[in-house]
Amino acid sequence: MTNRMPERVKTALANKTDLPRESLHRLGIDGKILLVRNGSGPAVGQFELRALQPDYEPLSHSSAVEQMLGDSAAHTELRNAINVADFAETTSLSDLATLADAIIGLKVMRLLLEPQQISEADRKFFDIGFIRIRSDRNPWAGDGSTAYIRSNLIEDLDLLGEATGGAVAMSTLGSWGRFANQLFQYAFLKLYGLRSNATPQFFPWVGKEIYGADAPVPQPGLVVQAFPEFNGIERYLWNTSEPPVNVDFAGFFQELPLTWRHHKVLIRRLLRAASIYSDPIDAWLNATRPAGSTLIGIHIRRGDYGNFDHTKMPWFQFIPIDWYLDLLDQIWP
């Protein structure tokens, strides 16, 4: 079965307008597709959508994906469904990102890119929830293809693509703010590097022992870019078409961009404690938590917040205990 791309989908791509997500769904393919170029030339719309028939087994793809993901049970659906989209080059990575974002069930993309396109592709596909796969784990690297995987499928952090476009450092990680602040700073630096094709750099800190969070030390001579206030101005870094690299960031980075919503699973994976720490906690929980109960953890901050000038920084005021209790009553009436 072969389906031509609907004219309104091609028009949406050509005009760079919002692509109706239902369009591809109505084709009956639900993401189990290969997307291949139809004909020669790079014009937008010269594509053909082909559904994978039940008896069609593209062994080179299914075996390659299985080899890439390993035997993790978390990836059973991907290995079985063969939800792989195979992209040929087009005139605009923005158009490809728009199309990929509309494909229901899309898990992996394979693209033919020039080296100078990698940084732009990393940004475009990060913003819709995809991360480039490291070249030595990319099953199609042999033919020069670049592969991207939906980040919520990443269990093995070794899949994360290596950077080729510079460095992004944070010399203050581990010293600016306490541990909770450092978690935001580390997540910012790691995701910023993935989106910007840049290698994160920081000095050894406690996160290396707890999470295995390691990186090269900051190289000398980087331009320092500091965001000392909690005003959210740093969010522009996630919207600019050319985010700065070869810089040394300082700040708290707790004003999160909307694009991070695609990467919640990956962030939790980055901040998963090593078993030497998590196993005793899990054992304690299993032994003390009553069956069928819900564990609730609340951080009620009553220490350093009392030392700030609440007139100038009202966000450091103590939150009334009744607010916590009222919220719990709403969630668990």
C-alpha atoms as a PDB file:
ATOM      1  CA  MET A   1       0.000   0.000   0.000  1.00  0.00           C
ATOM      2  CA  THR A   2       1.337   3.403  -0.973  1.00  0.00           C
ATOM      3  CA  ASN A   3      -0.166   6.703   0.142  1.00  0.00           C
ATOM      4  CA  ARG A   4       0.583  10.018  -1.476  1.00  0.00           C
ATOM      5  CA  MET A   5       1.164  12.846   0.949  1.00  0.00           C
ATOM      6  CA  PRO A   6      -2.068  14.904   1.138  1.00  0.00           C
ATOM      7  CA  GLU A   7      -1.869  18.282  -0.549  1.00  0.00           C
ATOM      8  CA  ARG A   8      -2.710  20.115   2.655  1.00  0.00           C
ATOM      9  CA  VAL A   9       0.219  18.417   4.372  1.00  0.00           C
ATOM     10  CA  LYS A  10       2.545  19.478   1.571  1.00  0.00           C
ATOM     11  CA  THR A  11       1.107  22.985   1.721  1.00  0.00           C
ATOM     12  CA  ALA A  12       1.647  23.122   5.470  1.00  0.00           C
ATOM     13  CA  LEU A  13       5.260  22.104   4.986  1.00  0.00           C
ATOM     14  CA  ALA A  14       5.853  24.552   2.165  1.00  0.00           C
ATOM     15  CA  ASN A  15       4.310  27.395   4.157  1.00  0.00           C
ATOM     16  CA  LYS A  16       5.928  26.257   7.411  1.00  0.00           C
ATOM     17  CA  THR A  17       2.571  26.374   9.159  1.00  0.00           C
ATOM     18  CA  ASP A  18       1.381  24.003  11.861  1.00  0.00           C
ATOM     19  CA  LEU A  19       1.008  20.516  10.458  1.00  0.00           C
ATOM     20  CA  PRO A  20      -2.274  18.818  11.424  1.00  0.00           C
ATOM     21  CA  ARG A  21      -1.316  15.810  13.495  1.00  0.00           C
ATOM     22  CA  GLU A  22      -4.473  14.012  12.368  1.00  0.00           C
ATOM     23  CA  SER A  23      -3.409  14.058   8.722  1.00  0.00           C
ATOM     24  CA  LEU A  24      -0.908  11.245   9.016  1.00  0.00           C
ATOM     25  CA  HIS A  25      -3.149   9.349  11.404  1.00  0.00           C
ATOM     26  CA  ARG A  26      -5.904   9.285   8.797  1.00  0.00           C
ATOM     27  CA  LEU A  27      -3.523   7.578   6.395  1.00  0.00           C
ATOM     28  CA  GLY A  28      -3.768   4.562   8.655  1.00  0.00           C
ATOM     29  CA  ILE A  29      -0.034   4.212   9.173  1.00  0.00           C
ATOM     30  CA  ASP A  30       0.225   5.237  12.844  1.00  0.00           C
ATOM     31  CA  GLY A  31       3.961   5.778  12.653  1.00  0.00           C
ATOM     32  CA  LYS A  32       4.917   2.308  11.401  1.00  0.00           C
ATOM     33  CA  ILE A  33       6.400   3.757   8.252  1.00  0.00           C
ATOM     34  CA  LEU A  34       9.435   4.333   6.172  1.00  0.00           C
ATOM     35  CA  LEU A  35       9.667   7.809   4.734  1.00  0.00           C
ATOM     36  CA  VAL A  36      11.624   7.770   1.478  1.00  0.00           C
ATOM     37  CA  ARG A  37      12.240  10.329  -1.196  1.00  0.00           C
ATOM     38  CA  ASN A  38      10.138   9.983  -4.310  1.00  0.00           C
ATOM     39  CA  GLY A  39      11.964  11.119  -7.416  1.00  0.00           C
ATOM     40  CA  SER A  40      15.014  13.332  -7.684  1.00  0.00           C
ATOM     41  CA  GLY A  41      15.555  16.856  -6.462  1.00  0.00           C
ATOM     42  CA  PRO A  42      15.184  18.400  -3.042  1.00  0.00           C
ATOM     43  CA  ALA A  43      11.826  20.171  -3.442  1.00  0.00           C
ATOM     44  CA  VAL A  44       9.536  20.088  -0.449  1.00  0.00           C
ATOM     45  CA  GLY A  45       6.729  17.579  -0.896  1.00  0.00           C
ATOM     46  CA  GLN A  46       8.657  15.079  -3.019  1.00  0.00           C
ATOM     47  CA  PHE A  47       8.046  12.316  -0.532  1.00  0.00           C
ATOM     48  CA  GLU A  48       6.101   9.115  -0.483  1.00  0.00           C
ATOM     49  CA  LEU A  49       4.647   7.463   2.603  1.00  0.00           C
ATOM     50  CA  ARG A  50       4.714   3.689   2.573  1.00  0.00           C
ATOM     51  CA  ALA A  51       3.003   1.624   5.227  1.00  0.00           C
ATOM     52  CA  LEU A  52       4.812  -1.396   6.592  1.00  0.00           C
ATOM     53  CA  GLN A  53       2.719  -4.420   5.674  1.00  0.00           C
ATOM     54  CA  PRO A  54       2.384  -7.185   8.305  1.00  0.00           C
ATOM     55  CA  ASP A  55       4.451  -9.503   6.111  1.00  0.00           C
ATOM     56  CA  TYR A  56       7.105  -6.896   5.383  1.00  0.00           C
ATOM     57  CA  GLU A  57      10.235  -7.415   7.467  1.00  0.00           C
ATOM     58  CA  PRO A  58      13.017  -4.910   6.733  1.00  0.00           C
ATOM     59  CA  LEU A  59      15.603  -7.068   8.461  1.00  0.00           C
ATOM     60  CA  SER A  60      18.399  -4.573   8.076  1.00  0.00           C
ATOM     61  CA  HIS A  61      16.348  -2.070  10.055  1.00  0.00           C
ATOM     62  CA  SER A  62      14.816  -4.300  12.708  1.00  0.00           C
ATOM     63  CA  SER A  63      18.086  -6.072  13.486  1.00  0.00           C
ATOM     64  CA  ALA A  64      19.971  -2.781  13.487  1.00  0.00           C
ATOM     65  CA  VAL A  65      17.560  -1.211  15.942  1.00  0.00           C
ATOM     66  CA  GLU A  66      17.686  -4.280  18.176  1.00  0.00           C
ATOM     67  CA  GLN A  67      21.471  -4.231  18.110  1.00  0.00           C
ATOM     68  CA  MET A  68      21.461  -0.525  18.987  1.00  0.00           C
ATOM     69  CA  LEU A  69      19.037  -0.806  21.891  1.00  0.00           C
ATOM     70  CA  GLY A  70      20.176  -4.128  23.308  1.00  0.00           C
ATOM     71  CA  ASP A  71      17.956  -6.430  25.319  1.00  0.00           C
ATOM     72  CA  SER A  72      16.376  -3.897  27.661  1.00  0.00           C
ATOM     73  CA  ALA A  73      12.737  -4.723  28.288  1.00  0.00           C
ATOM     74  CA  ALA A  74      11.962  -1.009  28.091  1.00  0.00           C
ATOM     75  CA  HIS A  75      12.567  -1.144  24.340  1.00  0.00           C
ATOM     76  CA  THR A  76      10.498  -4.225  23.498  1.00  0.00           C
ATOM     77  CA  GLU A  77       7.817  -2.117  21.836  1.00  0.00           C
ATOM     78  CA  LEU A  78      10.344  -0.388  19.608  1.00  0.00           C
ATOM     79  CA  ARG A  79      12.081  -3.605  18.584  1.00  0.00           C
ATOM     80  CA  ASN A  80       8.813  -5.310  17.758  1.00  0.00           C
ATOM     81  CA  ALA A  81       7.014  -2.438  16.061  1.00  0.00           C
ATOM     82  CA  ILE A  82       9.958  -1.383  13.854  1.00  0.00           C
ATOM     83  CA  ASN A  83       8.764   2.202  14.165  1.00  0.00           C
ATOM     84  CA  VAL A  84      11.607   3.618  12.115  1.00  0.00           C
ATOM     85  CA  ALA A  85      11.376   6.562   9.748  1.00  0.00           C
ATOM     86  CA  ASP A  86      14.047   6.737   7.070  1.00  0.00           C
ATOM     87  CA  PHE A  87      14.530  10.316   5.880  1.00  0.00           C
ATOM     88  CA  ALA A  88      16.252  11.467   2.746  1.00  0.00           C
ATOM     89  CA  GLU A  89      17.632  14.985   2.610  1.00  0.00           C
ATOM     90  CA  THR A  90      15.311  17.916   2.023  1.00  0.00           C
ATOM     91  CA  THR A  91      15.748  21.650   1.625  1.00  0.00           C
ATOM     92  CA  SER A  92      14.871  22.498   5.212  1.00  0.00           C
ATOM     93  CA  LEU A  93      15.546  20.797   8.515  1.00  0.00           C
ATOM     94  CA  SER A  94      12.676  22.842   9.921  1.00  0.00           C
ATOM     95  CA  ASP A  95      10.340  21.118   7.458  1.00  0.00           C
ATOM     96  CA  LEU A  96      11.644  17.714   8.466  1.00  0.00           C
ATOM     97  CA  ALA A  97      11.217  18.550  12.156  1.00  0.00           C
ATOM     98  CA  THR A  98       7.637  19.693  11.505  1.00  0.00           C
ATOM     99  CA  LEU A  99       6.870  16.458   9.684  1.00  0.00           C
ATOM    100  CA  ALA A 100       8.618  14.257  12.253  1.00  0.00           C
ATOM    101  CA  ASP A 101       6.726  15.930  15.077  1.00  0.00           C
ATOM    102  CA  ALA A 102       3.460  15.010  13.361  1.00  0.00           C
ATOM    103  CA  ILE A 103       4.206  11.318  12.798  1.00  0.00           C
ATOM    104  CA  ILE A 104       2.367   9.316  15.409  1.00  0.00           C
ATOM    105  CA  GLY A 105       4.541   6.729  17.116  1.00  0.00           C
ATOM    106  CA  LEU A 106       7.804   7.816  15.509  1.00  0.00           C
ATOM    107  CA  LYS A 107      10.712   6.470  17.535  1.00  0.00           C
ATOM    108  CA  VAL A 108      13.886   6.649  15.428  1.00  0.00           C
ATOM    109  CA  MET A 109      14.979   8.826  12.506  1.00  0.00           C
ATOM    110  CA  ARG A 110      17.761   8.236  10.041  1.00  0.00           C
ATOM    111  CA  LEU A 111      19.007  11.199   8.015  1.00  0.00           C
ATOM    112  CA  LEU A 112      21.642  11.928   5.422  1.00  0.00           C
ATOM    113  CA  LEU A 113      23.303  15.085   6.700  1.00  0.00           C
ATOM    114  CA  GLU A 114      26.387  17.072   5.866  1.00  0.00           C
ATOM    115  CA  PRO A 115      28.732  17.662   8.841  1.00  0.00           C
ATOM    116  CA  GLN A 116      27.850  21.366   8.888  1.00  0.00           C
ATOM    117  CA  GLN A 117      24.174  20.463   9.324  1.00  0.00           C
ATOM    118  CA  ILE A 118      24.633  18.465  12.542  1.00  0.00           C
ATOM    119  CA  SER A 119      24.362  21.380  14.965  1.00  0.00           C
ATOM    120  CA  GLU A 120      21.186  22.696  13.380  1.00  0.00           C
ATOM    121  CA  ALA A 121      19.680  19.204  13.248  1.00  0.00           C
ATOM    122  CA  ASP A 122      20.501  18.646  16.917  1.00  0.00           C
ATOM    123  CA  ARG A 123      18.570  21.804  17.822  1.00  0.00           C
ATOM    124  CA  LYS A 124      15.580  21.135  15.590  1.00  0.00           C
ATOM    125  CA  PHE A 125      15.093  17.568  16.731  1.00  0.00           C
ATOM    126  CA  PHE A 126      15.858  18.224  20.403  1.00  0.00           C
ATOM    127  CA  ASP A 127      12.956  20.656  20.398  1.00  0.00           C
ATOM    128  CA  ILE A 128      10.539  17.882  19.348  1.00  0.00           C
ATOM    129  CA  GLY A 129      12.003  15.280  21.695  1.00  0.00           C
ATOM    130  CA  PHE A 130      14.817  13.543  19.787  1.00  0.00           C
ATOM    131  CA  ILE A 131      18.495  13.100  20.644  1.00  0.00           C
ATOM    132  CA  ARG A 132      21.280  12.191  18.237  1.00  0.00           C
ATOM    133  CA  ILE A 133      22.711   8.707  18.698  1.00  0.00           C
ATOM    134  CA  ARG A 134      26.446   8.406  19.265  1.00  0.00           C
ATOM    135  CA  SER A 135      28.221   7.424  16.060  1.00  0.00           C
ATOM    136  CA  ASP A 136      29.657   4.145  17.365  1.00  0.00           C
ATOM    137  CA  ARG A 137      26.145   3.083  18.479  1.00  0.00           C
ATOM    138  CA  ASN A 138      24.441   4.236  15.276  1.00  0.00           C
ATOM    139  CA  PRO A 139      23.555   1.136  13.241  1.00  0.00           C
ATOM    140  CA  TRP A 140      23.586   3.135   9.995  1.00  0.00           C
ATOM    141  CA  ALA A 141      26.834   5.018  10.545  1.00  0.00           C
ATOM    142  CA  GLY A 142      28.540   2.891   7.920  1.00  0.00           C
ATOM    143  CA  ASP A 143      26.683   4.595   5.077  1.00  0.00           C
ATOM    144  CA  GLY A 144      27.179   8.072   6.480  1.00  0.00           C
ATOM    145  CA  SER A 145      23.710   8.396   8.005  1.00  0.00           C
ATOM    146  CA  THR A 146      22.957  10.221  11.232  1.00  0.00           C
ATOM    147  CA  ALA A 147      20.364   8.717  13.575  1.00  0.00           C
ATOM    148  CA  TYR A 148      18.115  10.313  16.187  1.00  0.00           C
ATOM    149  CA  ILE A 149      16.101   8.525  18.859  1.00  0.00           C
ATOM    150  CA  ARG A 150      13.197   9.766  20.950  1.00  0.00           C
ATOM    151  CA  SER A 151      14.771  10.658  24.268  1.00  0.00           C
ATOM    152  CA  ASN A 152      12.186   8.896  26.422  1.00  0.00           C
ATOM    153  CA  LEU A 153      13.464   5.597  25.008  1.00  0.00           C
ATOM    154  CA  ILE A 154      17.038   6.143  26.162  1.00  0.00           C
ATOM    155  CA  GLU A 155      17.965   3.815  28.980  1.00  0.00           C
ATOM    156  CA  ASP A 156      21.661   3.490  28.179  1.00  0.00           C
ATOM    157  CA  LEU A 157      23.279   6.926  28.424  1.00  0.00           C
ATOM    158  CA  ASP A 158      26.067   5.735  26.146  1.00  0.00           C
ATOM    159  CA  LEU A 159      23.597   6.250  23.290  1.00  0.00           C
ATOM    160  CA  LEU A 160      23.864  10.029  23.698  1.00  0.00           C
ATOM    161  CA  GLY A 161      25.622  11.544  20.722  1.00  0.00           C
ATOM    162  CA  GLU A 162      29.135  12.876  21.006  1.00  0.00           C
ATOM    163  CA  ALA A 163      29.600  16.593  20.378  1.00  0.00           C
ATOM    164  CA  THR A 164      31.522  17.943  17.405  1.00  0.00           C
ATOM    165  CA  GLY A 165      30.721  21.644  17.684  1.00  0.00           C
ATOM    166  CA  GLY A 166      32.633  23.060  20.638  1.00  0.00           C
ATOM    167  CA  ALA A 167      32.259  23.125  24.411  1.00  0.00           C
ATOM    168  CA  VAL A 168      29.937  24.511  27.048  1.00  0.00           C
ATOM    169  CA  ALA A 169      31.264  24.761  30.583  1.00  0.00           C
ATOM    170  CA  MET A 170      30.100  25.552  34.092  1.00  0.00           C
ATOM    171  CA  SER A 171      33.062  26.183  36.357  1.00  0.00           C
ATOM    172  CA  THR A 172      30.709  27.067  39.225  1.00  0.00           C
ATOM    173  CA  LEU A 173      28.940  23.687  39.274  1.00  0.00           C
ATOM    174  CA  GLY A 174      29.350  22.310  42.774  1.00  0.00           C
ATOM    175  CA  SER A 175      30.081  25.688  44.375  1.00  0.00           C
ATOM    176  CA  TRP A 176      27.255  28.026  43.362  1.00  0.00           C
ATOM    177  CA  GLY A 177      24.242  27.086  45.454  1.00  0.00           C
ATOM    178  CA  ARG A 178      23.642  23.909  47.370  1.00  0.00           C
ATOM    179  CA  PHE A 179      22.898  20.423  46.110  1.00  0.00           C
ATOM    180  CA  ALA A 180      19.352  21.019  44.806  1.00  0.00           C
ATOM    181  CA  ASN A 181      20.557  24.057  42.852  1.00  0.00           C
ATOM    182  CA  GLN A 182      23.352  21.954  41.421  1.00  0.00           C
ATOM    183  CA  LEU A 183      20.874  19.432  40.042  1.00  0.00           C
ATOM    184  CA  PHE A 184      19.220  22.160  37.983  1.00  0.00           C
ATOM    185  CA  GLN A 185      22.623  23.409  36.851  1.00  0.00           C
ATOM    186  CA  TYR A 186      23.783  19.946  35.808  1.00  0.00           C
ATOM    187  CA  ALA A 187      20.545  19.211  33.932  1.00  0.00           C
ATOM    188  CA  PHE A 188      20.819  22.563  32.160  1.00  0.00           C
ATOM    189  CA  LEU A 189      24.407  21.955  31.098  1.00  0.00           C
ATOM    190  CA  LYS A 190      23.774  18.387  29.927  1.00  0.00           C
ATOM    191  CA  LEU A 191      20.678  19.204  27.890  1.00  0.00           C
ATOM    192  CA  TYR A 192      22.168  22.411  26.534  1.00  0.00           C
ATOM    193  CA  GLY A 193      25.144  20.424  25.293  1.00  0.00           C
ATOM    194  CA  LEU A 194      22.906  17.841  23.613  1.00  0.00           C
ATOM    195  CA  ARG A 195      20.866  20.541  21.890  1.00  0.00           C
ATOM    196  CA  SER A 196      23.859  22.652  20.863  1.00  0.00           C
ATOM    197  CA  ASN A 197      26.251  19.891  19.754  1.00  0.00           C
ATOM    198  CA  ALA A 198      28.669  20.982  22.479  1.00  0.00           C
ATOM    199  CA  THR A 199      30.670  19.008  25.045  1.00  0.00           C
ATOM    200  CA  PRO A 200      29.694  19.781  28.674  1.00  0.00           C
ATOM    201  CA  GLN A 201      32.647  20.633  30.890  1.00  0.00           C
ATOM    202  CA  PHE A 202      32.736  20.993  34.674  1.00  0.00           C
ATOM    203  CA  PHE A 203      34.982  20.250  37.619  1.00  0.00           C
ATOM    204  CA  PRO A 204      34.452  17.069  39.656  1.00  0.00           C
ATOM    205  CA  TRP A 205      31.495  17.376  42.028  1.00  0.00           C
ATOM    206  CA  VAL A 206      29.401  15.128  44.247  1.00  0.00           C
ATOM    207  CA  GLY A 207      27.154  14.221  41.300  1.00  0.00           C
ATOM    208  CA  LYS A 208      29.989  12.191  39.807  1.00  0.00           C
ATOM    209  CA  GLU A 209      29.814   9.749  42.700  1.00  0.00           C
ATOM    210  CA  ILE A 210      26.030   9.684  43.021  1.00  0.00           C
ATOM    211  CA  TYR A 211      24.961   9.758  39.361  1.00  0.00           C
ATOM    212  CA  GLY A 212      28.127   8.966  37.433  1.00  0.00           C
ATOM    213  CA  ALA A 213      28.011  12.549  36.132  1.00  0.00           C
ATOM    214  CA  ASP A 214      31.464  13.054  34.703  1.00  0.00           C
ATOM    215  CA  ALA A 215      32.904  15.455  32.141  1.00  0.00           C
ATOM    216  CA  PRO A 216      36.165  17.076  31.053  1.00  0.00           C
ATOM    217  CA  VAL A 217      37.296  19.997  33.208  1.00  0.00           C
ATOM    218  CA  PRO A 218      36.550  23.460  31.764  1.00  0.00           C
ATOM    219  CA  GLN A 219      39.086  24.553  29.203  1.00  0.00           C
ATOM    220  CA  PRO A 220      40.793  27.885  29.866  1.00  0.00           C
ATOM    221  CA  GLY A 221      39.872  31.042  28.021  1.00  0.00           C
ATOM    222  CA  LEU A 222      36.125  30.485  27.690  1.00  0.00           C
ATOM    223  CA  VAL A 223      33.930  33.584  27.808  1.00  0.00           C
ATOM    224  CA  VAL A 224      31.932  33.709  31.044  1.00  0.00           C
ATOM    225  CA  GLN A 225      28.201  34.302  30.671  1.00  0.00           C
ATOM    226  CA  ALA A 226      26.507  34.755  34.048  1.00  0.00           C
ATOM    227  CA  PHE A 227      22.821  34.850  35.006  1.00  0.00           C
ATOM    228  CA  PRO A 228      22.887  35.623  38.740  1.00  0.00           C
ATOM    229  CA  GLU A 229      19.225  36.629  39.081  1.00  0.00           C
ATOM    230  CA  PHE A 230      16.043  34.552  39.141  1.00  0.00           C
ATOM    231  CA  ASN A 231      14.395  36.498  36.320  1.00  0.00           C
ATOM    232  CA  GLY A 232      14.249  33.869  33.575  1.00  0.00           C
ATOM    233  CA  ILE A 233      16.270  35.891  31.093  1.00  0.00           C
ATOM    234  CA  GLU A 234      18.446  32.850  30.381  1.00  0.00           C
ATOM    235  CA  ARG A 235      15.543  31.143  28.636  1.00  0.00           C
ATOM    236  CA  TYR A 236      16.459  33.004  25.465  1.00  0.00           C
ATOM    237  CA  LEU A 237      19.285  30.481  25.100  1.00  0.00           C
ATOM    238  CA  TRP A 238      16.700  27.843  24.155  1.00  0.00           C
ATOM    239  CA  ASN A 239      14.999  30.010  21.529  1.00  0.00           C
ATOM    240  CA  THR A 240      17.888  31.482  19.616  1.00  0.00           C
ATOM    241  CA  SER A 241      18.751  29.948  16.243  1.00  0.00           C
ATOM    242  CA  GLU A 242      22.454  29.931  17.124  1.00  0.00           C
ATOM    243  CA  PRO A 243      22.893  29.293  20.866  1.00  0.00           C
ATOM    244  CA  PRO A 244      26.357  30.306  22.076  1.00  0.00           C
ATOM    245  CA  VAL A 245      29.018  27.654  22.554  1.00  0.00           C
ATOM    246  CA  ASN A 246      32.555  27.834  23.894  1.00  0.00           C
ATOM    247  CA  VAL A 247      31.208  29.725  26.894  1.00  0.00           C
ATOM    248  CA  ASP A 248      31.390  29.211  30.666  1.00  0.00           C
ATOM    249  CA  PHE A 249      27.911  29.587  32.153  1.00  0.00           C
ATOM    250  CA  ALA A 250      27.122  30.621  35.706  1.00  0.00           C
ATOM    251  CA  GLY A 251      23.650  30.792  37.196  1.00  0.00           C
ATOM    252  CA  PHE A 252      20.850  28.767  38.746  1.00  0.00           C
ATOM    253  CA  PHE A 253      18.884  27.891  35.568  1.00  0.00           C
ATOM    254  CA  GLN A 254      15.592  27.069  37.245  1.00  0.00           C
ATOM    255  CA  GLU A 255      13.402  28.816  34.653  1.00  0.00           C
ATOM    256  CA  LEU A 256      12.812  25.830  32.409  1.00  0.00           C
ATOM    257  CA  PRO A 257      12.038  26.034  28.677  1.00  0.00           C
ATOM    258  CA  LEU A 258       8.952  24.316  27.292  1.00  0.00           C
ATOM    259  CA  THR A 259      11.070  21.994  25.163  1.00  0.00           C
ATOM    260  CA  TRP A 260      12.219  20.184  28.316  1.00  0.00           C
ATOM    261  CA  ARG A 261       8.776  18.614  28.619  1.00  0.00           C
ATOM    262  CA  HIS A 262       9.841  16.207  25.853  1.00  0.00           C
ATOM    263  CA  HIS A 263      12.848  15.078  27.899  1.00  0.00           C
ATOM    264  CA  LYS A 264      11.404  14.416  31.367  1.00  0.00           C
ATOM    265  CA  VAL A 265      12.258  10.714  31.171  1.00  0.00           C
ATOM    266  CA  LEU A 266      15.823  11.448  30.083  1.00  0.00           C
ATOM    267  CA  ILE A 267      16.283  13.970  32.915  1.00  0.00           C
ATOM    268  CA  ARG A 268      15.131  11.368  35.433  1.00  0.00           C
ATOM    269  CA  ARG A 269      17.573   8.902  33.878  1.00  0.00           C
ATOM    270  CA  LEU A 270      20.443  11.396  34.155  1.00  0.00           C
ATOM    271  CA  LEU A 271      19.612  11.865  37.836  1.00  0.00           C
ATOM    272  CA  ARG A 272      19.201   8.202  38.705  1.00  0.00           C
ATOM    273  CA  ALA A 273      21.398   7.390  41.678  1.00  0.00           C
ATOM    274  CA  ALA A 274      23.904   4.567  41.511  1.00  0.00           C
ATOM    275  CA  SER A 275      22.724   1.291  43.017  1.00  0.00           C
ATOM    276  CA  ILE A 276      25.031   1.680  46.022  1.00  0.00           C
ATOM    277  CA  TYR A 277      22.749   4.579  47.051  1.00  0.00           C
ATOM    278  CA  SER A 278      19.398   3.521  45.632  1.00  0.00           C
ATOM    279  CA  ASP A 279      19.401  -0.118  46.803  1.00  0.00           C
ATOM    280  CA  PRO A 280      19.388   0.662  50.563  1.00  0.00           C
ATOM    281  CA  ILE A 281      16.626   3.225  50.049  1.00  0.00           C
ATOM    282  CA  ASP A 282      14.540   0.767  48.049  1.00  0.00           C
ATOM    283  CA  ALA A 283      15.061  -1.906  50.702  1.00  0.00           C
ATOM    284  CA  TRP A 284      13.947   0.484  53.441  1.00  0.00           C
ATOM    285  CA  LEU A 285      10.859   1.499  51.478  1.00  0.00           C
ATOM    286  CA  ASN A 286       9.869  -2.086  50.770  1.00  0.00           C
ATOM    287  CA  ALA A 287      10.241  -2.975  54.440  1.00  0.00           C
ATOM    288  CA  THR A 288       8.450   0.032  55.956  1.00  0.00           C
ATOM    289  CA  ARG A 289       5.814   1.222  53.489  1.00  0.00           C
ATOM    290  CA  PRO A 290       2.426  -0.467  53.969  1.00  0.00           C
ATOM    291  CA  ALA A 291       1.137  -2.341  50.950  1.00  0.00           C
ATOM    292  CA  GLY A 292      -1.044  -0.203  48.689  1.00  0.00           C
ATOM    293  CA  SER A 293       0.035   3.066  50.279  1.00  0.00           C
ATOM    294  CA  THR A 294       1.352   6.151  48.519  1.00  0.00           C
ATOM    295  CA  LEU A 295       4.660   7.642  49.577  1.00  0.00           C
ATOM    296  CA  ILE A 296       4.694  11.449  49.589  1.00  0.00           C
ATOM    297  CA  GLY A 297       7.886  13.468  49.896  1.00  0.00           C
ATOM    298  CA  ILE A 298       7.603  17.179  50.705  1.00  0.00           C
ATOM    299  CA  HIS A 299      10.472  19.612  51.008  1.00  0.00           C
ATOM    300  CA  ILE A 300       9.383  22.269  53.508  1.00  0.00           C
ATOM    301  CA  ARG A 301      12.195  24.795  53.489  1.00  0.00           C
ATOM    302  CA  ARG A 302      12.651  26.600  56.786  1.00  0.00           C
ATOM    303  CA  GLY A 303      16.410  27.238  56.853  1.00  0.00           C
ATOM    304  CA  ASP A 304      18.258  29.786  54.736  1.00  0.00           C
ATOM    305  CA  TYR A 305      15.051  31.224  53.233  1.00  0.00           C
ATOM    306  CA  GLY A 306      14.487  33.086  56.470  1.00  0.00           C
ATOM    307  CA  ASN A 307      17.735  35.026  56.005  1.00  0.00           C
ATOM    308  CA  PHE A 308      16.797  36.734  52.727  1.00  0.00           C
ATOM    309  CA  ASP A 309      15.263  40.186  52.323  1.00  0.00           C
ATOM    310  CA  HIS A 310      11.703  39.208  51.419  1.00  0.00           C
ATOM    311  CA  THR A 311      10.906  42.735  50.287  1.00  0.00           C
ATOM    312  CA  LYS A 312      13.458  42.550  47.495  1.00  0.00           C
ATOM    313  CA  MET A 313      13.146  38.798  46.946  1.00  0.00           C
ATOM    314  CA  PRO A 314       9.569  37.821  47.819  1.00  0.00           C
ATOM    315  CA  TRP A 315       9.943  34.374  46.240  1.00  0.00           C
ATOM    316  CA  PHE A 316      12.004  33.328  49.286  1.00  0.00           C
ATOM    317  CA  GLN A 317       9.126  33.818  51.702  1.00  0.00           C
ATOM    318  CA  PHE A 318       8.070  30.812  53.764  1.00  0.00           C
ATOM    319  CA  ILE A 319       5.139  28.916  52.290  1.00  0.00           C
ATOM    320  CA  PRO A 320       2.413  28.287  54.889  1.00  0.00           C
ATOM    321  CA  ILE A 321       2.052  24.676  55.975  1.00  0.00           C
ATOM    322  CA  ASP A 322      -1.695  24.935  55.324  1.00  0.00           C
ATOM    323  CA  TRP A 323      -0.946  25.339  51.619  1.00  0.00           C
ATOM    324  CA  TYR A 324       0.726  21.927  51.555  1.00  0.00           C
ATOM    325  CA  LEU A 325      -2.140  20.341  53.482  1.00  0.00           C
ATOM    326  CA  ASP A 326      -4.768  21.911  51.222  1.00  0.00           C
ATOM    327  CA  LEU A 327      -2.981  20.644  48.123  1.00  0.00           C
ATOM    328  CA  LEU A 328      -2.737  17.131  49.555  1.00  0.00           C
ATOM    329  CA  ASP A 329      -6.461  17.203  50.315  1.00  0.00           C
ATOM    330  CA  GLN A 330      -7.105  18.110  46.686  1.00  0.00           C
ATOM    331  CA  ILE A 331      -4.879  15.357  45.308  1.00  0.00           C
ATOM    332  CA  TRP A 332      -5.927  12.645  47.769  1.00  0.00           C
ATOM    333  CA  PRO A 333      -9.407  13.687  48.978  1.00  0.00           C
END
